[in-house]
Amino acid sequence: LPKLLSATATEVPCTCPSPAHGEAAPRPGPALSLSLLFFLFLLHSGLRRL
């Protein structure tokens, strides 16, 4: 599961400032957090159907 999460997180285009982009950010942007939460919700409902 962590592998899947990290792979999905790297595929999501990041528009928030981050150390990788040369700027420091205290926490991920709200859009990235929301997309991760949505992905987790989809994953959870998919596992529940199995």
PDB file of N, CA and C in Angstrom:
ATOM      1  N   LEU A   1       0.831  -1.220   0.000  1.00  0.00           N
ATOM      2  CA  LEU A   1       0.000   0.000   0.000  1.00  0.00           C
ATOM      3  C   LEU A   1       0.865   1.271   0.000  1.00  0.00           C
ATOM      4  N   PRO A   2       1.886   1.385   0.840  1.00  0.00           N
ATOM      5  CA  PRO A   2       2.733   2.595   0.778  1.00  0.00           C
ATOM      6  C   PRO A   2       3.361   2.800  -0.597  1.00  0.00           C
ATOM      7  N   LYS A   3       3.724   1.700  -1.262  1.00  0.00           N
ATOM      8  CA  LYS A   3       4.302   1.823  -2.607  1.00  0.00           C
ATOM      9  C   LYS A   3       3.294   2.444  -3.556  1.00  0.00           C
ATOM     10  N   LEU A   4       2.054   1.970  -3.483  1.00  0.00           N
ATOM     11  CA  LEU A   4       0.993   2.486  -4.343  1.00  0.00           C
ATOM     12  C   LEU A   4       0.741   3.963  -4.059  1.00  0.00           C
ATOM     13  N   LEU A   5       0.735   4.321  -2.773  1.00  0.00           N
ATOM     14  CA  LEU A   5       0.492   5.713  -2.408  1.00  0.00           C
ATOM     15  C   LEU A   5       1.605   6.616  -2.914  1.00  0.00           C
ATOM     16  N   SER A   6       2.861   6.177  -2.748  1.00  0.00           N
ATOM     17  CA  SER A   6       3.973   7.014  -3.183  1.00  0.00           C
ATOM     18  C   SER A   6       3.983   7.143  -4.701  1.00  0.00           C
ATOM     19  N   ALA A   7       3.649   6.063  -5.405  1.00  0.00           N
ATOM     20  CA  ALA A   7       3.614   6.122  -6.864  1.00  0.00           C
ATOM     21  C   ALA A   7       2.531   7.072  -7.330  1.00  0.00           C
ATOM     22  N   THR A   8       1.374   7.038  -6.669  1.00  0.00           N
ATOM     23  CA  THR A   8       0.284   7.934  -7.050  1.00  0.00           C
ATOM     24  C   THR A   8       0.645   9.380  -6.717  1.00  0.00           C
ATOM     25  N   ALA A   9       1.296   9.575  -5.581  1.00  0.00           N
ATOM     26  CA  ALA A   9       1.654  10.934  -5.173  1.00  0.00           C
ATOM     27  C   ALA A   9       2.665  11.537  -6.148  1.00  0.00           C
ATOM     28  N   THR A  10       3.556  10.719  -6.702  1.00  0.00           N
ATOM     29  CA  THR A  10       4.552  11.252  -7.622  1.00  0.00           C
ATOM     30  C   THR A  10       3.921  11.535  -8.981  1.00  0.00           C
ATOM     31  N   GLU A  11       2.833  10.831  -9.323  1.00  0.00           N
ATOM     32  CA  GLU A  11       2.181  11.060 -10.609  1.00  0.00           C
ATOM     33  C   GLU A  11       1.343  12.332 -10.589  1.00  0.00           C
ATOM     34  N   VAL A  12       0.900  12.757  -9.406  1.00  0.00           N
ATOM     35  CA  VAL A  12       0.076  13.961  -9.311  1.00  0.00           C
ATOM     36  C   VAL A  12       0.959  15.186  -9.533  1.00  0.00           C
ATOM     37  N   PRO A  13       0.611  16.049 -10.502  1.00  0.00           N
ATOM     38  CA  PRO A  13       1.403  17.261 -10.712  1.00  0.00           C
ATOM     39  C   PRO A  13       1.297  18.194  -9.509  1.00  0.00           C
ATOM     40  N   CYS A  14       2.430  18.606  -9.006  1.00  0.00           N
ATOM     41  CA  CYS A  14       2.441  19.449  -7.800  1.00  0.00           C
ATOM     42  C   CYS A  14       2.609  20.906  -8.193  1.00  0.00           C
ATOM     43  N   THR A  15       1.654  21.747  -7.826  1.00  0.00           N
ATOM     44  CA  THR A  15       1.737  23.174  -8.136  1.00  0.00           C
ATOM     45  C   THR A  15       2.114  23.990  -6.893  1.00  0.00           C
ATOM     46  N   CYS A  16       2.209  23.321  -5.753  1.00  0.00           N
ATOM     47  CA  CYS A  16       2.570  24.047  -4.540  1.00  0.00           C
ATOM     48  C   CYS A  16       4.088  24.170  -4.439  1.00  0.00           C
ATOM     49  N   PRO A  17       4.588  25.232  -3.809  1.00  0.00           N
ATOM     50  CA  PRO A  17       6.032  25.378  -3.652  1.00  0.00           C
ATOM     51  C   PRO A  17       6.604  24.295  -2.758  1.00  0.00           C
ATOM     52  N   SER A  18       7.707  23.702  -3.169  1.00  0.00           N
ATOM     53  CA  SER A  18       8.328  22.629  -2.397  1.00  0.00           C
ATOM     54  C   SER A  18       9.839  22.741  -2.514  1.00  0.00           C
ATOM     55  N   PRO A  19      10.588  22.099  -1.621  1.00  0.00           N
ATOM     56  CA  PRO A  19      12.054  22.135  -1.707  1.00  0.00           C
ATOM     57  C   PRO A  19      12.566  21.671  -3.071  1.00  0.00           C
ATOM     58  N   ALA A  20      11.844  20.752  -3.709  1.00  0.00           N
ATOM     59  CA  ALA A  20      12.278  20.262  -5.013  1.00  0.00           C
ATOM     60  C   ALA A  20      12.174  21.365  -6.069  1.00  0.00           C
ATOM     61  N   HIS A  21      11.272  22.322  -5.848  1.00  0.00           N
ATOM     62  CA  HIS A  21      11.099  23.410  -6.798  1.00  0.00           C
ATOM     63  C   HIS A  21      11.926  24.634  -6.403  1.00  0.00           C
ATOM     64  N   GLY A  22      12.740  24.498  -5.360  1.00  0.00           N
ATOM     65  CA  GLY A  22      13.591  25.615  -4.959  1.00  0.00           C
ATOM     66  C   GLY A  22      12.964  26.493  -3.892  1.00  0.00           C
ATOM     67  N   GLU A  23      11.750  26.194  -3.456  1.00  0.00           N
ATOM     68  CA  GLU A  23      11.109  26.972  -2.398  1.00  0.00           C
ATOM     69  C   GLU A  23      10.713  26.043  -1.257  1.00  0.00           C
ATOM     70  N   ALA A  24      10.724  26.563  -0.045  1.00  0.00           N
ATOM     71  CA  ALA A  24      10.386  25.740   1.112  1.00  0.00           C
ATOM     72  C   ALA A  24       8.900  25.867   1.427  1.00  0.00           C
ATOM     73  N   ALA A  25       8.247  24.739   1.661  1.00  0.00           N
ATOM     74  CA  ALA A  25       6.834  24.740   2.029  1.00  0.00           C
ATOM     75  C   ALA A  25       6.658  23.966   3.332  1.00  0.00           C
ATOM     76  N   PRO A  26       5.953  24.530   4.322  1.00  0.00           N
ATOM     77  CA  PRO A  26       5.756  23.844   5.603  1.00  0.00           C
ATOM     78  C   PRO A  26       4.889  22.598   5.473  1.00  0.00           C
ATOM     79  N   ARG A  27       3.919  22.616   4.559  1.00  0.00           N
ATOM     80  CA  ARG A  27       3.041  21.455   4.391  1.00  0.00           C
ATOM     81  C   ARG A  27       2.534  21.408   2.957  1.00  0.00           C
ATOM     82  N   PRO A  28       2.045  20.247   2.511  1.00  0.00           N
ATOM     83  CA  PRO A  28       1.528  20.124   1.141  1.00  0.00           C
ATOM     84  C   PRO A  28       0.359  21.069   0.903  1.00  0.00           C
ATOM     85  N   GLY A  29       0.143  21.433  -0.345  1.00  0.00           N
ATOM     86  CA  GLY A  29      -0.967  22.313  -0.692  1.00  0.00           C
ATOM     87  C   GLY A  29      -2.308  21.636  -0.449  1.00  0.00           C
ATOM     88  N   PRO A  30      -3.370  22.421  -0.314  1.00  0.00           N
ATOM     89  CA  PRO A  30      -4.703  21.845  -0.062  1.00  0.00           C
ATOM     90  C   PRO A  30      -5.183  20.969  -1.210  1.00  0.00           C
ATOM     91  N   ALA A  31      -4.807  21.310  -2.444  1.00  0.00           N
ATOM     92  CA  ALA A  31      -5.255  20.516  -3.587  1.00  0.00           C
ATOM     93  C   ALA A  31      -4.651  19.111  -3.522  1.00  0.00           C
ATOM     94  N   LEU A  32      -3.360  19.031  -3.172  1.00  0.00           N
ATOM     95  CA  LEU A  32      -2.710  17.724  -3.090  1.00  0.00           C
ATOM     96  C   LEU A  32      -3.317  16.900  -1.958  1.00  0.00           C
ATOM     97  N   SER A  33      -3.581  17.534  -0.824  1.00  0.00           N
ATOM     98  CA  SER A  33      -4.175  16.817   0.306  1.00  0.00           C
ATOM     99  C   SER A  33      -5.562  16.300  -0.056  1.00  0.00           C
ATOM    100  N   LEU A  34      -6.349  17.144  -0.740  1.00  0.00           N
ATOM    101  CA  LEU A  34      -7.707  16.739  -1.112  1.00  0.00           C
ATOM    102  C   LEU A  34      -7.672  15.582  -2.097  1.00  0.00           C
ATOM    103  N   SER A  35      -6.752  15.637  -3.054  1.00  0.00           N
ATOM    104  CA  SER A  35      -6.687  14.555  -4.037  1.00  0.00           C
ATOM    105  C   SER A  35      -6.249  13.255  -3.366  1.00  0.00           C
ATOM    106  N   LEU A  36      -5.329  13.353  -2.400  1.00  0.00           N
ATOM    107  CA  LEU A  36      -4.901  12.147  -1.681  1.00  0.00           C
ATOM    108  C   LEU A  36      -6.048  11.584  -0.847  1.00  0.00           C
ATOM    109  N   LEU A  37      -6.809  12.468  -0.195  1.00  0.00           N
ATOM    110  CA  LEU A  37      -7.951  12.004   0.600  1.00  0.00           C
ATOM    111  C   LEU A  37      -8.992  11.343  -0.294  1.00  0.00           C
ATOM    112  N   PHE A  38      -9.233  11.943  -1.474  1.00  0.00           N
ATOM    113  CA  PHE A  38     -10.199  11.376  -2.409  1.00  0.00           C
ATOM    114  C   PHE A  38      -9.735  10.008  -2.894  1.00  0.00           C
ATOM    115  N   PHE A  39      -8.416   9.901  -3.173  1.00  0.00           N
ATOM    116  CA  PHE A  39      -7.868   8.620  -3.616  1.00  0.00           C
ATOM    117  C   PHE A  39      -8.032   7.563  -2.527  1.00  0.00           C
ATOM    118  N   LEU A  40      -7.769   7.940  -1.277  1.00  0.00           N
ATOM    119  CA  LEU A  40      -7.914   6.994  -0.176  1.00  0.00           C
ATOM    120  C   LEU A  40      -9.370   6.568  -0.020  1.00  0.00           C
ATOM    121  N   PHE A  41     -10.293   7.529  -0.215  1.00  0.00           N
ATOM    122  CA  PHE A  41     -11.717   7.203  -0.104  1.00  0.00           C
ATOM    123  C   PHE A  41     -12.122   6.210  -1.193  1.00  0.00           C
ATOM    124  N   LEU A  42     -11.656   6.437  -2.415  1.00  0.00           N
ATOM    125  CA  LEU A  42     -11.964   5.516  -3.511  1.00  0.00           C
ATOM    126  C   LEU A  42     -11.368   4.142  -3.233  1.00  0.00           C
ATOM    127  N   LEU A  43     -10.127   4.130  -2.744  1.00  0.00           N
ATOM    128  CA  LEU A  43      -9.469   2.858  -2.450  1.00  0.00           C
ATOM    129  C   LEU A  43     -10.232   2.105  -1.367  1.00  0.00           C
ATOM    130  N   HIS A  44     -10.686   2.835  -0.336  1.00  0.00           N
ATOM    131  CA  HIS A  44     -11.401   2.204   0.773  1.00  0.00           C
ATOM    132  C   HIS A  44     -12.724   1.617   0.288  1.00  0.00           C
ATOM    133  N   SER A  45     -13.482   2.376  -0.498  1.00  0.00           N
ATOM    134  CA  SER A  45     -14.769   1.856  -0.974  1.00  0.00           C
ATOM    135  C   SER A  45     -14.551   0.692  -1.939  1.00  0.00           C
ATOM    136  N   GLY A  46     -13.464   0.730  -2.707  1.00  0.00           N
ATOM    137  CA  GLY A  46     -13.161  -0.378  -3.611  1.00  0.00           C
ATOM    138  C   GLY A  46     -12.825  -1.648  -2.839  1.00  0.00           C
ATOM    139  N   LEU A  47     -12.081  -1.497  -1.751  1.00  0.00           N
ATOM    140  CA  LEU A  47     -11.733  -2.663  -0.935  1.00  0.00           C
ATOM    141  C   LEU A  47     -12.972  -3.201  -0.222  1.00  0.00           C
ATOM    142  N   ARG A  48     -13.883  -2.305   0.153  1.00  0.00           N
ATOM    143  CA  ARG A  48     -15.091  -2.746   0.840  1.00  0.00           C
ATOM    144  C   ARG A  48     -15.965  -3.567  -0.092  1.00  0.00           C
ATOM    145  N   ARG A  49     -15.959  -3.238  -1.399  1.00  0.00           N
ATOM    146  CA  ARG A  49     -16.782  -3.984  -2.348  1.00  0.00           C
ATOM    147  C   ARG A  49     -16.251  -5.404  -2.523  1.00  0.00           C
ATOM    148  N   LEU A  50     -14.937  -5.591  -2.387  1.00  0.00           N
ATOM    149  CA  LEU A  50     -14.367  -6.938  -2.499  1.00  0.00           C
ATOM    150  C   LEU A  50     -14.793  -7.747  -1.279  1.00  0.00           C
TER     151      LEU A  50
END
